[in-house]
Amino acid sequence: MRETAVELTVLDPARVFGEVVLGQDVVRPRPGPPFEWRDGAWRLEFARPNVDRLEYLVGIDGTFQPDPANPLRAPGPFGDKSVIEWPEYRRPAWLDSIADAGALEPVEIRCRRLVARVQVLIYSTPDPPAADAPLLLVHDGPEYAQYAGLTRFLDVMSWEERIPPLRAALVQPVDRNEIYSASALYSAALARELLPEIAKRAPHGPRIGMGASLGALALLHAHSRHPRLFDGLLLQSGSFFRQRFDRYESAFPRYRRITRFVGTALRGLDADPIPIALTCGTGEENRANNEALASALVAHGHPAWLALVRDGHTWTCWRDGFDPNLPTLIEAVT
């Protein structure tokens, strides 16, 4: 029988804590809901969200930490989170596959427009790629490798011959919230400086942009301003905010810039159609926006599709969305 409720307990027999709340990104209120103290412990029971796994923290008197009663953890850039995995959750089989590891080369690119030195890791599959091999341009690339196993996935897919030998440029952002929020300056820097410099070190054929959250938004924006920049896009849990629907995001400094661009994208991009794969968690507030964008892309001639993953806005959700969407996208552009 499918479990329909979540029960959590934090022991506190002397009632030392003043307040205990749940920290999660799937249902509102956030943080919340609060625990109740009874019989020597803080207890919480709430309905299972529309997911098969849930990452969370426990907030004790304003300090959020992993649940001491739950040993299952998910690492992330801001530290570990506790995880509930329901019986329906299935880890991707490729995580248990054996394959040689590809090569990583650190590169620093001086970018005049961004007034920064951008750090990039150039990845190559174990079988050496040809000069006309596909190139993945990955926003938040080092984090994709560390927390979502992207290079491991490419190793396995290449070994299984589900993708051709290729290269990936794993780009570390500079002031992420500013440059990934539909910034014309960043789109120009990507088109005029970063990609040309990457090409000197990683010759390539078709180019695929890949990113999550704001990183996905930035790729779609770059495609709209520089239509020949990419041959395909993988957009995961994109921050496609719409002004009428996402007032909870209105405090974000570049909220209006994002909503203006998304409104334009929904009316139709002024760019040649390219294959675009979107993935999104079933438990994300941004799901409706991703569904609306996917429908708009299809309506305006893009060979686009949306795949839903039963998770929230997490690195694991993005990892679990790689297969079959990334190999299918690579096949579509090669």
C-alpha atoms as a PDB file:
ATOM      1  CA  MET A   1       0.000   0.000   0.000  1.00  0.00           C
ATOM      2  CA  ARG A   2       1.285   3.458  -0.910  1.00  0.00           C
ATOM      3  CA  GLU A   3       2.292   5.457   2.147  1.00  0.00           C
ATOM      4  CA  THR A   4       0.282   8.681   2.378  1.00  0.00           C
ATOM      5  CA  ALA A   5       1.695  10.398   5.459  1.00  0.00           C
ATOM      6  CA  VAL A   6       5.033  11.519   6.873  1.00  0.00           C
ATOM      7  CA  GLU A   7       5.865  11.155  10.567  1.00  0.00           C
ATOM      8  CA  LEU A   8       8.924  12.831  12.096  1.00  0.00           C
ATOM      9  CA  THR A   9      10.114  12.917  15.708  1.00  0.00           C
ATOM     10  CA  VAL A  10      12.784  14.996  17.490  1.00  0.00           C
ATOM     11  CA  LEU A  11      13.520  13.786  21.019  1.00  0.00           C
ATOM     12  CA  ASP A  12      13.513  16.488  23.717  1.00  0.00           C
ATOM     13  CA  PRO A  13      12.412  14.900  27.048  1.00  0.00           C
ATOM     14  CA  ALA A  14      13.225  18.023  29.127  1.00  0.00           C
ATOM     15  CA  ARG A  15      11.643  20.347  26.561  1.00  0.00           C
ATOM     16  CA  VAL A  16      14.823  22.362  26.116  1.00  0.00           C
ATOM     17  CA  PHE A  17      13.856  23.547  22.634  1.00  0.00           C
ATOM     18  CA  GLY A  18      11.478  26.439  22.194  1.00  0.00           C
ATOM     19  CA  GLU A  19      10.401  25.693  18.629  1.00  0.00           C
ATOM     20  CA  VAL A  20      10.937  22.965  16.031  1.00  0.00           C
ATOM     21  CA  VAL A  21       9.862  23.404  12.386  1.00  0.00           C
ATOM     22  CA  LEU A  22      10.337  21.511   9.141  1.00  0.00           C
ATOM     23  CA  GLY A  23      12.595  23.006   6.480  1.00  0.00           C
ATOM     24  CA  GLN A  24      11.583  21.838   2.991  1.00  0.00           C
ATOM     25  CA  ASP A  25      10.959  23.287  -0.485  1.00  0.00           C
ATOM     26  CA  VAL A  26       7.916  21.320  -1.639  1.00  0.00           C
ATOM     27  CA  VAL A  27       4.850  22.599   0.233  1.00  0.00           C
ATOM     28  CA  ARG A  28       4.002  25.882   1.939  1.00  0.00           C
ATOM     29  CA  PRO A  29       4.381  27.279   4.532  1.00  0.00           C
ATOM     30  CA  ARG A  30       8.180  27.372   4.217  1.00  0.00           C
ATOM     31  CA  PRO A  31       9.712  26.838   6.667  1.00  0.00           C
ATOM     32  CA  GLY A  32       7.035  24.697   8.178  1.00  0.00           C
ATOM     33  CA  PRO A  33       4.871  23.094   9.238  1.00  0.00           C
ATOM     34  CA  PRO A  34       5.751  23.296  12.956  1.00  0.00           C
ATOM     35  CA  PHE A  35       6.248  20.272  15.203  1.00  0.00           C
ATOM     36  CA  GLU A  36       4.181  19.818  18.366  1.00  0.00           C
ATOM     37  CA  TRP A  37       5.736  18.763  21.693  1.00  0.00           C
ATOM     38  CA  ARG A  38       4.142  15.893  23.556  1.00  0.00           C
ATOM     39  CA  ASP A  39       5.347  12.920  25.596  1.00  0.00           C
ATOM     40  CA  GLY A  40       8.989  14.040  25.623  1.00  0.00           C
ATOM     41  CA  ALA A  41       9.408  14.681  21.920  1.00  0.00           C
ATOM     42  CA  TRP A  42       8.554  17.078  19.120  1.00  0.00           C
ATOM     43  CA  ARG A  43       6.301  15.310  16.622  1.00  0.00           C
ATOM     44  CA  LEU A  44       5.043  16.147  13.168  1.00  0.00           C
ATOM     45  CA  GLU A  45       2.671  14.290  10.869  1.00  0.00           C
ATOM     46  CA  PHE A  46       1.782  15.711   7.457  1.00  0.00           C
ATOM     47  CA  ALA A  47       0.440  14.473   4.149  1.00  0.00           C
ATOM     48  CA  ARG A  48       2.963  12.985   1.753  1.00  0.00           C
ATOM     49  CA  PRO A  49       3.726  15.483  -1.048  1.00  0.00           C
ATOM     50  CA  ASN A  50       3.510  14.527  -4.718  1.00  0.00           C
ATOM     51  CA  VAL A  51       7.031  13.051  -4.697  1.00  0.00           C
ATOM     52  CA  ASP A  52       8.794   9.730  -4.167  1.00  0.00           C
ATOM     53  CA  ARG A  53      11.659  11.285  -2.191  1.00  0.00           C
ATOM     54  CA  LEU A  54      11.848  14.369   0.017  1.00  0.00           C
ATOM     55  CA  GLU A  55      14.891  16.342   1.124  1.00  0.00           C
ATOM     56  CA  TYR A  56      14.474  18.317   4.338  1.00  0.00           C
ATOM     57  CA  LEU A  57      16.078  19.912   7.371  1.00  0.00           C
ATOM     58  CA  VAL A  58      14.863  20.302  10.946  1.00  0.00           C
ATOM     59  CA  GLY A  59      14.826  23.847  12.321  1.00  0.00           C
ATOM     60  CA  ILE A  60      15.500  23.903  16.055  1.00  0.00           C
ATOM     61  CA  ASP A  61      15.157  27.383  17.558  1.00  0.00           C
ATOM     62  CA  GLY A  62      16.044  28.984  14.222  1.00  0.00           C
ATOM     63  CA  THR A  63      18.999  26.743  13.348  1.00  0.00           C
ATOM     64  CA  PHE A  64      18.427  24.281  10.506  1.00  0.00           C
ATOM     65  CA  GLN A  65      20.240  20.960  10.479  1.00  0.00           C
ATOM     66  CA  PRO A  66      19.817  17.400   9.204  1.00  0.00           C
ATOM     67  CA  ASP A  67      17.409  15.223  11.151  1.00  0.00           C
ATOM     68  CA  PRO A  68      19.463  13.475  13.869  1.00  0.00           C
ATOM     69  CA  ALA A  69      17.058  10.504  13.742  1.00  0.00           C
ATOM     70  CA  ASN A  70      17.519   9.918   9.993  1.00  0.00           C
ATOM     71  CA  PRO A  71      20.930   8.729   8.712  1.00  0.00           C
ATOM     72  CA  LEU A  72      20.029   9.104   5.007  1.00  0.00           C
ATOM     73  CA  ARG A  73      21.651  12.243   3.561  1.00  0.00           C
ATOM     74  CA  ALA A  74      21.873  14.123   0.268  1.00  0.00           C
ATOM     75  CA  PRO A  75      24.909  16.395  -0.185  1.00  0.00           C
ATOM     76  CA  GLY A  76      24.601  19.852  -1.705  1.00  0.00           C
ATOM     77  CA  PRO A  77      26.446  23.172  -2.073  1.00  0.00           C
ATOM     78  CA  PHE A  78      24.952  24.435   1.213  1.00  0.00           C
ATOM     79  CA  GLY A  79      25.514  21.231   3.170  1.00  0.00           C
ATOM     80  CA  ASP A  80      23.787  17.889   3.645  1.00  0.00           C
ATOM     81  CA  LYS A  81      20.031  17.444   3.877  1.00  0.00           C
ATOM     82  CA  SER A  82      18.097  14.545   5.323  1.00  0.00           C
ATOM     83  CA  VAL A  83      16.172  12.402   2.854  1.00  0.00           C
ATOM     84  CA  ILE A  84      12.999  10.341   2.965  1.00  0.00           C
ATOM     85  CA  GLU A  85      12.787   7.779   0.175  1.00  0.00           C
ATOM     86  CA  TRP A  86       9.440   6.045  -0.266  1.00  0.00           C
ATOM     87  CA  PRO A  87       9.314   2.470  -1.651  1.00  0.00           C
ATOM     88  CA  GLU A  88       8.315   3.775  -5.099  1.00  0.00           C
ATOM     89  CA  TYR A  89      11.638   5.615  -5.521  1.00  0.00           C
ATOM     90  CA  ARG A  90      14.156   3.924  -7.832  1.00  0.00           C
ATOM     91  CA  ARG A  91      17.810   4.953  -8.041  1.00  0.00           C
ATOM     92  CA  PRO A  92      19.070   5.195 -11.638  1.00  0.00           C
ATOM     93  CA  ALA A  93      20.701   1.923 -12.709  1.00  0.00           C
ATOM     94  CA  TRP A  94      23.651   3.743 -14.289  1.00  0.00           C
ATOM     95  CA  LEU A  95      24.915   4.706 -10.823  1.00  0.00           C
ATOM     96  CA  ASP A  96      25.932   1.071 -10.318  1.00  0.00           C
ATOM     97  CA  SER A  97      27.596   0.638 -13.713  1.00  0.00           C
ATOM     98  CA  ILE A  98      31.351   0.334 -14.129  1.00  0.00           C
ATOM     99  CA  ALA A  99      33.129   2.578 -16.628  1.00  0.00           C
ATOM    100  CA  ASP A 100      36.482   4.289 -17.035  1.00  0.00           C
ATOM    101  CA  ALA A 101      36.592   7.917 -15.933  1.00  0.00           C
ATOM    102  CA  GLY A 102      37.018  10.647 -18.512  1.00  0.00           C
ATOM    103  CA  ALA A 103      39.618  13.414 -18.344  1.00  0.00           C
ATOM    104  CA  LEU A 104      39.156  16.817 -16.677  1.00  0.00           C
ATOM    105  CA  GLU A 105      41.271  19.857 -17.524  1.00  0.00           C
ATOM    106  CA  PRO A 106      40.914  23.110 -15.546  1.00  0.00           C
ATOM    107  CA  VAL A 107      40.844  26.268 -17.660  1.00  0.00           C
ATOM    108  CA  GLU A 108      40.633  29.935 -16.695  1.00  0.00           C
ATOM    109  CA  ILE A 109      39.072  32.336 -19.182  1.00  0.00           C
ATOM    110  CA  ARG A 110      39.495  36.084 -18.835  1.00  0.00           C
ATOM    111  CA  CYS A 111      36.114  37.645 -19.662  1.00  0.00           C
ATOM    112  CA  ARG A 112      36.141  41.385 -20.321  1.00  0.00           C
ATOM    113  CA  ARG A 113      32.360  41.810 -20.289  1.00  0.00           C
ATOM    114  CA  LEU A 114      31.983  40.136 -16.901  1.00  0.00           C
ATOM    115  CA  VAL A 115      35.185  41.723 -15.537  1.00  0.00           C
ATOM    116  CA  ALA A 116      36.102  38.291 -14.214  1.00  0.00           C
ATOM    117  CA  ARG A 117      38.224  35.230 -14.712  1.00  0.00           C
ATOM    118  CA  VAL A 118      35.762  32.425 -15.354  1.00  0.00           C
ATOM    119  CA  GLN A 119      36.720  28.948 -14.166  1.00  0.00           C
ATOM    120  CA  VAL A 120      35.880  26.063 -16.513  1.00  0.00           C
ATOM    121  CA  LEU A 121      36.547  22.326 -16.336  1.00  0.00           C
ATOM    122  CA  ILE A 122      36.909  20.731 -19.784  1.00  0.00           C
ATOM    123  CA  TYR A 123      35.699  17.127 -19.602  1.00  0.00           C
ATOM    124  CA  SER A 124      36.392  14.507 -22.290  1.00  0.00           C
ATOM    125  CA  THR A 125      34.895  11.026 -22.415  1.00  0.00           C
ATOM    126  CA  PRO A 126      37.273   8.066 -21.914  1.00  0.00           C
ATOM    127  CA  ASP A 127      37.220   7.368 -25.673  1.00  0.00           C
ATOM    128  CA  PRO A 128      38.897  10.460 -27.163  1.00  0.00           C
ATOM    129  CA  PRO A 129      36.379  12.729 -28.935  1.00  0.00           C
ATOM    130  CA  ALA A 130      36.903  13.770 -32.537  1.00  0.00           C
ATOM    131  CA  ALA A 131      37.293  17.406 -33.553  1.00  0.00           C
ATOM    132  CA  ASP A 132      33.628  17.527 -34.581  1.00  0.00           C
ATOM    133  CA  ALA A 133      32.320  15.818 -31.417  1.00  0.00           C
ATOM    134  CA  PRO A 134      29.364  17.337 -29.562  1.00  0.00           C
ATOM    135  CA  LEU A 135      30.073  19.875 -26.834  1.00  0.00           C
ATOM    136  CA  LEU A 136      27.962  20.283 -23.697  1.00  0.00           C
ATOM    137  CA  LEU A 137      28.097  23.787 -22.223  1.00  0.00           C
ATOM    138  CA  VAL A 138      27.006  23.221 -18.613  1.00  0.00           C
ATOM    139  CA  HIS A 139      26.028  26.045 -16.270  1.00  0.00           C
ATOM    140  CA  ASP A 140      26.989  25.289 -12.658  1.00  0.00           C
ATOM    141  CA  GLY A 141      29.055  22.545 -14.239  1.00  0.00           C
ATOM    142  CA  PRO A 142      31.365  21.643 -11.329  1.00  0.00           C
ATOM    143  CA  GLU A 143      28.300  21.328  -9.054  1.00  0.00           C
ATOM    144  CA  TYR A 144      26.590  19.149 -11.675  1.00  0.00           C
ATOM    145  CA  ALA A 145      29.616  16.853 -11.564  1.00  0.00           C
ATOM    146  CA  GLN A 146      29.890  16.812  -7.765  1.00  0.00           C
ATOM    147  CA  TYR A 147      26.251  16.628  -6.698  1.00  0.00           C
ATOM    148  CA  ALA A 148      24.481  15.072  -9.706  1.00  0.00           C
ATOM    149  CA  GLY A 149      27.229  12.798 -11.046  1.00  0.00           C
ATOM    150  CA  LEU A 150      27.145  14.320 -14.549  1.00  0.00           C
ATOM    151  CA  THR A 151      30.635  13.235 -15.616  1.00  0.00           C
ATOM    152  CA  ARG A 152      29.972   9.767 -14.202  1.00  0.00           C
ATOM    153  CA  PHE A 153      26.779   9.618 -16.280  1.00  0.00           C
ATOM    154  CA  LEU A 154      28.675  10.642 -19.420  1.00  0.00           C
ATOM    155  CA  ASP A 155      31.355   8.039 -18.687  1.00  0.00           C
ATOM    156  CA  VAL A 156      28.742   5.276 -18.458  1.00  0.00           C
ATOM    157  CA  MET A 157      26.664   6.414 -21.447  1.00  0.00           C
ATOM    158  CA  SER A 158      29.807   6.621 -23.598  1.00  0.00           C
ATOM    159  CA  TRP A 159      30.975   3.166 -22.445  1.00  0.00           C
ATOM    160  CA  GLU A 160      27.531   1.742 -23.249  1.00  0.00           C
ATOM    161  CA  GLU A 161      27.661   3.534 -26.637  1.00  0.00           C
ATOM    162  CA  ARG A 162      24.431   5.389 -25.915  1.00  0.00           C
ATOM    163  CA  ILE A 163      26.179   8.679 -26.644  1.00  0.00           C
ATOM    164  CA  PRO A 164      29.153   9.398 -28.928  1.00  0.00           C
ATOM    165  CA  PRO A 165      32.514  10.458 -27.493  1.00  0.00           C
ATOM    166  CA  LEU A 166      32.155  14.133 -26.567  1.00  0.00           C
ATOM    167  CA  ARG A 167      33.422  17.056 -24.530  1.00  0.00           C
ATOM    168  CA  ALA A 168      31.715  19.108 -21.846  1.00  0.00           C
ATOM    169  CA  ALA A 169      32.606  22.581 -20.635  1.00  0.00           C
ATOM    170  CA  LEU A 170      31.668  22.699 -16.942  1.00  0.00           C
ATOM    171  CA  VAL A 171      31.328  26.428 -16.287  1.00  0.00           C
ATOM    172  CA  GLN A 172      31.536  27.916 -12.799  1.00  0.00           C
ATOM    173  CA  PRO A 173      29.260  30.980 -12.549  1.00  0.00           C
ATOM    174  CA  VAL A 174      30.311  34.487 -11.581  1.00  0.00           C
ATOM    175  CA  ASP A 175      27.662  36.240  -9.425  1.00  0.00           C
ATOM    176  CA  ARG A 176      25.111  33.584 -10.337  1.00  0.00           C
ATOM    177  CA  ASN A 177      21.919  35.447  -9.395  1.00  0.00           C
ATOM    178  CA  GLU A 178      22.902  38.402 -11.563  1.00  0.00           C
ATOM    179  CA  ILE A 179      24.339  36.795 -14.696  1.00  0.00           C
ATOM    180  CA  TYR A 180      21.888  33.885 -14.944  1.00  0.00           C
ATOM    181  CA  SER A 181      18.770  36.058 -14.564  1.00  0.00           C
ATOM    182  CA  ALA A 182      18.082  36.840 -18.254  1.00  0.00           C
ATOM    183  CA  SER A 183      21.132  39.109 -18.483  1.00  0.00           C
ATOM    184  CA  ALA A 184      21.905  40.524 -21.935  1.00  0.00           C
ATOM    185  CA  LEU A 185      25.462  41.196 -20.759  1.00  0.00           C
ATOM    186  CA  TYR A 186      25.988  37.544 -19.868  1.00  0.00           C
ATOM    187  CA  SER A 187      24.424  36.293 -23.107  1.00  0.00           C
ATOM    188  CA  ALA A 188      26.879  38.463 -25.030  1.00  0.00           C
ATOM    189  CA  ALA A 189      29.791  37.290 -22.887  1.00  0.00           C
ATOM    190  CA  LEU A 190      28.818  33.667 -23.501  1.00  0.00           C
ATOM    191  CA  ALA A 191      28.494  34.151 -27.261  1.00  0.00           C
ATOM    192  CA  ARG A 192      31.437  36.494 -27.872  1.00  0.00           C
ATOM    193  CA  GLU A 193      33.999  35.486 -25.282  1.00  0.00           C
ATOM    194  CA  LEU A 194      33.407  32.291 -23.317  1.00  0.00           C
ATOM    195  CA  LEU A 195      32.385  29.882 -26.075  1.00  0.00           C
ATOM    196  CA  PRO A 196      35.063  31.107 -28.541  1.00  0.00           C
ATOM    197  CA  GLU A 197      37.729  30.618 -25.859  1.00  0.00           C
ATOM    198  CA  ILE A 198      36.351  27.190 -24.945  1.00  0.00           C
ATOM    199  CA  ALA A 199      36.434  26.224 -28.644  1.00  0.00           C
ATOM    200  CA  LYS A 200      40.190  26.877 -28.729  1.00  0.00           C
ATOM    201  CA  ARG A 201      40.690  24.227 -26.054  1.00  0.00           C
ATOM    202  CA  ALA A 202      37.803  21.924 -26.970  1.00  0.00           C
ATOM    203  CA  PRO A 203      37.122  21.760 -30.713  1.00  0.00           C
ATOM    204  CA  HIS A 204      33.596  20.636 -31.343  1.00  0.00           C
ATOM    205  CA  GLY A 205      30.645  20.084 -33.612  1.00  0.00           C
ATOM    206  CA  PRO A 206      27.064  20.504 -32.339  1.00  0.00           C
ATOM    207  CA  ARG A 207      26.653  22.519 -29.133  1.00  0.00           C
ATOM    208  CA  ILE A 208      24.178  21.658 -26.391  1.00  0.00           C
ATOM    209  CA  GLY A 209      23.481  23.987 -23.489  1.00  0.00           C
ATOM    210  CA  MET A 210      22.592  22.401 -20.152  1.00  0.00           C
ATOM    211  CA  GLY A 211      21.564  23.999 -16.874  1.00  0.00           C
ATOM    212  CA  ALA A 212      19.196  23.940 -13.912  1.00  0.00           C
ATOM    213  CA  SER A 213      17.069  26.587 -12.217  1.00  0.00           C
ATOM    214  CA  LEU A 214      18.460  30.042 -13.105  1.00  0.00           C
ATOM    215  CA  GLY A 215      21.137  28.295 -15.177  1.00  0.00           C
ATOM    216  CA  ALA A 216      18.399  26.880 -17.424  1.00  0.00           C
ATOM    217  CA  LEU A 217      16.754  30.297 -17.745  1.00  0.00           C
ATOM    218  CA  ALA A 218      20.069  31.850 -18.793  1.00  0.00           C
ATOM    219  CA  LEU A 219      20.515  29.300 -21.583  1.00  0.00           C
ATOM    220  CA  LEU A 220      17.072  29.922 -23.046  1.00  0.00           C
ATOM    221  CA  HIS A 221      17.716  33.671 -22.860  1.00  0.00           C
ATOM    222  CA  ALA A 222      21.058  33.258 -24.630  1.00  0.00           C
ATOM    223  CA  HIS A 223      19.368  31.200 -27.352  1.00  0.00           C
ATOM    224  CA  SER A 224      16.779  33.931 -27.847  1.00  0.00           C
ATOM    225  CA  ARG A 225      19.446  36.623 -28.295  1.00  0.00           C
ATOM    226  CA  HIS A 226      21.999  34.521 -30.200  1.00  0.00           C
ATOM    227  CA  PRO A 227      19.955  31.931 -32.118  1.00  0.00           C
ATOM    228  CA  ARG A 228      22.979  30.164 -33.656  1.00  0.00           C
ATOM    229  CA  LEU A 229      24.689  29.643 -30.320  1.00  0.00           C
ATOM    230  CA  PHE A 230      23.219  26.207 -29.544  1.00  0.00           C
ATOM    231  CA  ASP A 231      21.911  23.229 -31.489  1.00  0.00           C
ATOM    232  CA  GLY A 232      19.962  21.856 -28.511  1.00  0.00           C
ATOM    233  CA  LEU A 233      19.145  22.641 -24.880  1.00  0.00           C
ATOM    234  CA  LEU A 234      18.528  20.611 -21.724  1.00  0.00           C
ATOM    235  CA  LEU A 235      16.657  22.853 -19.270  1.00  0.00           C
ATOM    236  CA  GLN A 236      16.096  21.392 -15.798  1.00  0.00           C
ATOM    237  CA  SER A 237      13.633  22.983 -13.365  1.00  0.00           C
ATOM    238  CA  GLY A 238      14.024  26.319 -15.131  1.00  0.00           C
ATOM    239  CA  SER A 239      13.249  29.505 -13.177  1.00  0.00           C
ATOM    240  CA  PHE A 240      10.647  30.585 -15.717  1.00  0.00           C
ATOM    241  CA  PHE A 241       8.834  32.999 -13.398  1.00  0.00           C
ATOM    242  CA  ARG A 242       5.571  34.565 -14.569  1.00  0.00           C
ATOM    243  CA  GLN A 243       4.418  37.784 -12.941  1.00  0.00           C
ATOM    244  CA  ARG A 244       0.781  36.750 -12.544  1.00  0.00           C
ATOM    245  CA  PHE A 245       1.635  33.405 -10.977  1.00  0.00           C
ATOM    246  CA  ASP A 246       4.876  33.815  -9.017  1.00  0.00           C
ATOM    247  CA  ARG A 247       4.502  36.772  -6.687  1.00  0.00           C
ATOM    248  CA  TYR A 248       6.223  34.706  -3.978  1.00  0.00           C
ATOM    249  CA  GLU A 249       9.434  35.225  -6.012  1.00  0.00           C
ATOM    250  CA  SER A 250       8.931  38.996  -6.338  1.00  0.00           C
ATOM    251  CA  ALA A 251      11.629  39.799  -3.768  1.00  0.00           C
ATOM    252  CA  PHE A 252      14.273  38.347  -6.095  1.00  0.00           C
ATOM    253  CA  PRO A 253      16.315  41.358  -7.333  1.00  0.00           C
ATOM    254  CA  ARG A 254      15.928  40.496 -11.037  1.00  0.00           C
ATOM    255  CA  TYR A 255      12.361  39.232 -10.816  1.00  0.00           C
ATOM    256  CA  ARG A 256      10.912  41.734 -13.333  1.00  0.00           C
ATOM    257  CA  ARG A 257      13.713  41.162 -15.831  1.00  0.00           C
ATOM    258  CA  ILE A 258      13.000  37.436 -15.673  1.00  0.00           C
ATOM    259  CA  THR A 259       9.222  37.782 -15.972  1.00  0.00           C
ATOM    260  CA  ARG A 260       9.556  40.118 -18.958  1.00  0.00           C
ATOM    261  CA  PHE A 261      11.732  37.620 -20.783  1.00  0.00           C
ATOM    262  CA  VAL A 262       9.529  34.636 -19.896  1.00  0.00           C
ATOM    263  CA  GLY A 263       6.489  36.530 -21.163  1.00  0.00           C
ATOM    264  CA  THR A 264       8.306  37.057 -24.457  1.00  0.00           C
ATOM    265  CA  ALA A 265       9.298  33.384 -24.625  1.00  0.00           C
ATOM    266  CA  LEU A 266       5.718  32.260 -24.044  1.00  0.00           C
ATOM    267  CA  ARG A 267       4.576  34.417 -26.963  1.00  0.00           C
ATOM    268  CA  GLY A 268       7.234  32.862 -29.203  1.00  0.00           C
ATOM    269  CA  LEU A 269      11.019  33.109 -29.400  1.00  0.00           C
ATOM    270  CA  ASP A 270      12.508  34.955 -32.346  1.00  0.00           C
ATOM    271  CA  ALA A 271      14.910  32.080 -33.007  1.00  0.00           C
ATOM    272  CA  ASP A 272      15.118  29.053 -35.252  1.00  0.00           C
ATOM    273  CA  PRO A 273      13.573  25.955 -33.635  1.00  0.00           C
ATOM    274  CA  ILE A 274      16.042  23.580 -31.994  1.00  0.00           C
ATOM    275  CA  PRO A 275      15.446  20.432 -29.907  1.00  0.00           C
ATOM    276  CA  ILE A 276      14.776  21.422 -26.285  1.00  0.00           C
ATOM    277  CA  ALA A 277      14.346  18.906 -23.462  1.00  0.00           C
ATOM    278  CA  LEU A 278      12.887  20.100 -20.168  1.00  0.00           C
ATOM    279  CA  THR A 279      12.765  18.215 -16.873  1.00  0.00           C
ATOM    280  CA  CYS A 280      11.027  19.279 -13.682  1.00  0.00           C
ATOM    281  CA  GLY A 281      10.066  17.828 -10.320  1.00  0.00           C
ATOM    282  CA  THR A 282       6.432  16.948  -9.654  1.00  0.00           C
ATOM    283  CA  GLY A 283       6.693  18.666  -6.265  1.00  0.00           C
ATOM    284  CA  GLU A 284       8.105  21.978  -7.512  1.00  0.00           C
ATOM    285  CA  GLU A 285       6.206  25.243  -7.348  1.00  0.00           C
ATOM    286  CA  ASN A 286       7.787  26.040 -10.704  1.00  0.00           C
ATOM    287  CA  ARG A 287       6.244  22.987 -12.362  1.00  0.00           C
ATOM    288  CA  ALA A 288       3.342  24.925 -13.914  1.00  0.00           C
ATOM    289  CA  ASN A 289       5.788  27.421 -15.423  1.00  0.00           C
ATOM    290  CA  ASN A 290       7.860  24.649 -16.983  1.00  0.00           C
ATOM    291  CA  GLU A 291       4.706  23.028 -18.353  1.00  0.00           C
ATOM    292  CA  ALA A 292       3.558  26.354 -19.825  1.00  0.00           C
ATOM    293  CA  LEU A 293       6.921  26.983 -21.458  1.00  0.00           C
ATOM    294  CA  ALA A 294       7.119  23.463 -22.897  1.00  0.00           C
ATOM    295  CA  SER A 295       3.662  23.872 -24.434  1.00  0.00           C
ATOM    296  CA  ALA A 296       4.617  27.266 -25.876  1.00  0.00           C
ATOM    297  CA  LEU A 297       7.831  25.907 -27.393  1.00  0.00           C
ATOM    298  CA  VAL A 298       5.954  23.073 -29.091  1.00  0.00           C
ATOM    299  CA  ALA A 299       3.263  25.479 -30.321  1.00  0.00           C
ATOM    300  CA  HIS A 300       5.936  27.646 -31.933  1.00  0.00           C
ATOM    301  CA  GLY A 301       7.654  24.798 -33.751  1.00  0.00           C
ATOM    302  CA  HIS A 302      10.413  23.673 -31.405  1.00  0.00           C
ATOM    303  CA  PRO A 303      10.809  19.881 -31.127  1.00  0.00           C
ATOM    304  CA  ALA A 304      10.499  20.128 -27.327  1.00  0.00           C
ATOM    305  CA  TRP A 305       9.346  17.811 -24.568  1.00  0.00           C
ATOM    306  CA  LEU A 306       8.916  17.897 -20.788  1.00  0.00           C
ATOM    307  CA  ALA A 307       9.793  14.980 -18.500  1.00  0.00           C
ATOM    308  CA  LEU A 308       8.520  14.991 -14.912  1.00  0.00           C
ATOM    309  CA  VAL A 309      10.553  13.480 -12.079  1.00  0.00           C
ATOM    310  CA  ARG A 310       8.848  12.616  -8.787  1.00  0.00           C
ATOM    311  CA  ASP A 311      11.027  14.883  -6.675  1.00  0.00           C
ATOM    312  CA  GLY A 312      11.490  18.525  -5.709  1.00  0.00           C
ATOM    313  CA  HIS A 313      13.998  21.217  -6.675  1.00  0.00           C
ATOM    314  CA  THR A 314      17.102  19.123  -5.942  1.00  0.00           C
ATOM    315  CA  TRP A 315      20.329  17.929  -7.514  1.00  0.00           C
ATOM    316  CA  THR A 316      19.023  14.371  -7.267  1.00  0.00           C
ATOM    317  CA  CYS A 317      15.926  15.364  -9.257  1.00  0.00           C
ATOM    318  CA  TRP A 318      18.158  16.747 -11.991  1.00  0.00           C
ATOM    319  CA  ARG A 319      20.396  13.669 -11.870  1.00  0.00           C
ATOM    320  CA  ASP A 320      17.401  11.363 -12.155  1.00  0.00           C
ATOM    321  CA  GLY A 321      16.234  13.348 -15.197  1.00  0.00           C
ATOM    322  CA  PHE A 322      19.414  12.737 -17.220  1.00  0.00           C
ATOM    323  CA  ASP A 323      18.265   9.404 -18.652  1.00  0.00           C
ATOM    324  CA  PRO A 324      16.817   9.147 -21.259  1.00  0.00           C
ATOM    325  CA  ASN A 325      16.528  12.883 -21.916  1.00  0.00           C
ATOM    326  CA  LEU A 326      20.190  13.839 -22.395  1.00  0.00           C
ATOM    327  CA  PRO A 327      21.076  10.872 -24.669  1.00  0.00           C
ATOM    328  CA  THR A 328      17.908  11.524 -26.690  1.00  0.00           C
ATOM    329  CA  LEU A 329      18.825  15.191 -27.060  1.00  0.00           C
ATOM    330  CA  ILE A 330      22.392  14.381 -28.103  1.00  0.00           C
ATOM    331  CA  GLU A 331      21.060  11.947 -30.706  1.00  0.00           C
ATOM    332  CA  ALA A 332      18.693  14.631 -32.016  1.00  0.00           C
ATOM    333  CA  VAL A 333      21.511  17.092 -32.752  1.00  0.00           C
ATOM    334  CA  THR A 334      24.154  14.696 -34.094  1.00  0.00           C
END
